[in-house]
Amino acid sequence: MKKCLAYSVSLVFLVSASLVFAEIKSLIKEYTYQAGELDSKAGIR
């Protein structure tokens, strides 16, 4: 039982440490769409 508690405490410590050092990243991508003859305004919503 003590071994299980020790593993649980270690796991909580490692997870919380990884959250502290986590980094937020934003990815932005731009693109252009060329509408063809089969595309229509009614088909795009």
N, C-alpha and C. Protein backbone atom coordinates (compact mmCIF):
# COMPACT_ATOMS: atom_id res chain seq x y z
N MET A 1 0.83 -1.20 0.00
CA MET A 1 0.00 0.00 0.00
C MET A 1 0.87 1.26 0.00
N LYS A 2 1.94 1.24 0.78
CA LYS A 2 2.82 2.41 0.83
C LYS A 2 3.51 2.61 -0.51
N LYS A 3 3.81 1.50 -1.19
CA LYS A 3 4.47 1.59 -2.49
C LYS A 3 3.54 2.26 -3.51
N CYS A 4 2.27 1.91 -3.47
CA CYS A 4 1.27 2.50 -4.37
C CYS A 4 1.11 3.99 -4.08
N LEU A 5 1.11 4.37 -2.82
CA LEU A 5 1.00 5.77 -2.44
C LEU A 5 2.23 6.56 -2.92
N ALA A 6 3.40 5.95 -2.80
CA ALA A 6 4.62 6.61 -3.24
C ALA A 6 4.60 6.82 -4.76
N TYR A 7 4.12 5.82 -5.51
CA TYR A 7 4.01 5.97 -6.96
C TYR A 7 3.00 7.06 -7.33
N SER A 8 1.91 7.12 -6.61
CA SER A 8 0.89 8.13 -6.88
C SER A 8 1.41 9.54 -6.62
N VAL A 9 2.11 9.71 -5.53
CA VAL A 9 2.68 11.02 -5.20
C VAL A 9 3.71 11.42 -6.25
N SER A 10 4.54 10.47 -6.67
CA SER A 10 5.55 10.75 -7.69
C SER A 10 4.90 11.14 -9.01
N LEU A 11 3.84 10.44 -9.38
CA LEU A 11 3.15 10.74 -10.63
C LEU A 11 2.52 12.12 -10.58
N VAL A 12 1.89 12.48 -9.48
CA VAL A 12 1.29 13.81 -9.34
C VAL A 12 2.38 14.88 -9.43
N PHE A 13 3.51 14.66 -8.81
CA PHE A 13 4.60 15.62 -8.86
C PHE A 13 5.12 15.81 -10.28
N LEU A 14 5.31 14.72 -11.01
CA LEU A 14 5.82 14.81 -12.37
C LEU A 14 4.83 15.50 -13.31
N VAL A 15 3.55 15.20 -13.16
CA VAL A 15 2.53 15.84 -14.00
C VAL A 15 2.45 17.33 -13.71
N SER A 16 2.45 17.70 -12.44
CA SER A 16 2.36 19.12 -12.09
C SER A 16 3.61 19.88 -12.54
N ALA A 17 4.77 19.23 -12.47
CA ALA A 17 6.00 19.88 -12.92
C ALA A 17 5.97 20.10 -14.43
N SER A 18 5.42 19.16 -15.18
CA SER A 18 5.35 19.33 -16.63
C SER A 18 4.37 20.43 -17.01
N LEU A 19 3.32 20.63 -16.22
CA LEU A 19 2.37 21.71 -16.50
C LEU A 19 2.98 23.07 -16.23
N VAL A 20 3.85 23.16 -15.24
CA VAL A 20 4.50 24.43 -14.91
C VAL A 20 5.40 24.88 -16.04
N PHE A 21 6.08 23.94 -16.68
CA PHE A 21 7.03 24.27 -17.74
C PHE A 21 6.42 24.18 -19.13
N ALA A 22 5.10 24.01 -19.22
CA ALA A 22 4.44 23.92 -20.52
C ALA A 22 4.48 25.28 -21.21
N GLU A 23 4.50 25.25 -22.52
CA GLU A 23 4.56 26.47 -23.30
C GLU A 23 3.37 26.51 -24.26
N ILE A 24 2.74 27.66 -24.37
CA ILE A 24 1.60 27.82 -25.27
C ILE A 24 2.13 28.28 -26.62
N LYS A 25 1.71 27.59 -27.68
CA LYS A 25 2.12 27.96 -29.03
C LYS A 25 0.88 28.17 -29.89
N SER A 26 0.92 29.20 -30.72
CA SER A 26 -0.16 29.46 -31.66
C SER A 26 0.39 29.29 -33.07
N LEU A 27 -0.35 28.56 -33.87
CA LEU A 27 0.05 28.35 -35.26
C LEU A 27 -0.96 29.04 -36.16
N ILE A 28 -0.48 29.84 -37.07
CA ILE A 28 -1.33 30.57 -38.00
C ILE A 28 -0.87 30.26 -39.41
N LYS A 29 -1.81 29.89 -40.26
CA LYS A 29 -1.48 29.59 -41.65
C LYS A 29 -2.47 30.30 -42.55
N GLU A 30 -1.98 30.93 -43.58
CA GLU A 30 -2.85 31.59 -44.55
C GLU A 30 -2.85 30.78 -45.84
N TYR A 31 -3.98 30.76 -46.51
CA TYR A 31 -4.05 30.05 -47.77
C TYR A 31 -5.03 30.76 -48.69
N THR A 32 -4.95 30.42 -49.96
CA THR A 32 -5.82 31.00 -50.98
C THR A 32 -6.56 29.86 -51.67
N TYR A 33 -7.84 30.04 -51.88
CA TYR A 33 -8.65 29.04 -52.56
C TYR A 33 -9.10 29.60 -53.90
N GLN A 34 -8.81 28.87 -54.94
CA GLN A 34 -9.23 29.27 -56.29
C GLN A 34 -10.52 28.51 -56.61
N ALA A 35 -11.62 29.24 -56.71
CA ALA A 35 -12.90 28.61 -57.03
C ALA A 35 -12.93 28.21 -58.50
N GLY A 36 -13.44 27.01 -58.75
CA GLY A 36 -13.54 26.52 -60.12
C GLY A 36 -14.93 26.75 -60.68
N GLU A 37 -15.15 26.22 -61.90
CA GLU A 37 -16.45 26.40 -62.56
C GLU A 37 -17.56 25.67 -61.82
N LEU A 38 -17.26 24.57 -61.13
CA LEU A 38 -18.29 23.79 -60.46
C LEU A 38 -18.64 24.37 -59.09
N ASP A 39 -17.83 25.31 -58.60
CA ASP A 39 -18.14 25.94 -57.32
C ASP A 39 -19.18 27.04 -57.53
N SER A 40 -20.07 27.20 -56.57
CA SER A 40 -21.07 28.24 -56.66
C SER A 40 -21.25 28.88 -55.29
N LYS A 41 -21.85 30.03 -55.27
CA LYS A 41 -22.11 30.70 -54.01
C LYS A 41 -23.10 29.90 -53.16
N ALA A 42 -24.00 29.17 -53.80
CA ALA A 42 -24.99 28.39 -53.07
C ALA A 42 -24.34 27.20 -52.37
N GLY A 43 -23.26 26.68 -52.93
CA GLY A 43 -22.59 25.51 -52.35
C GLY A 43 -21.67 25.85 -51.20
N ILE A 44 -21.32 27.10 -51.06
CA ILE A 44 -20.41 27.54 -49.99
C ILE A 44 -21.23 28.17 -48.89
N ARG A 45 -21.13 27.63 -47.70
CA ARG A 45 -21.91 28.17 -46.57
C ARG A 45 -21.01 28.50 -45.44
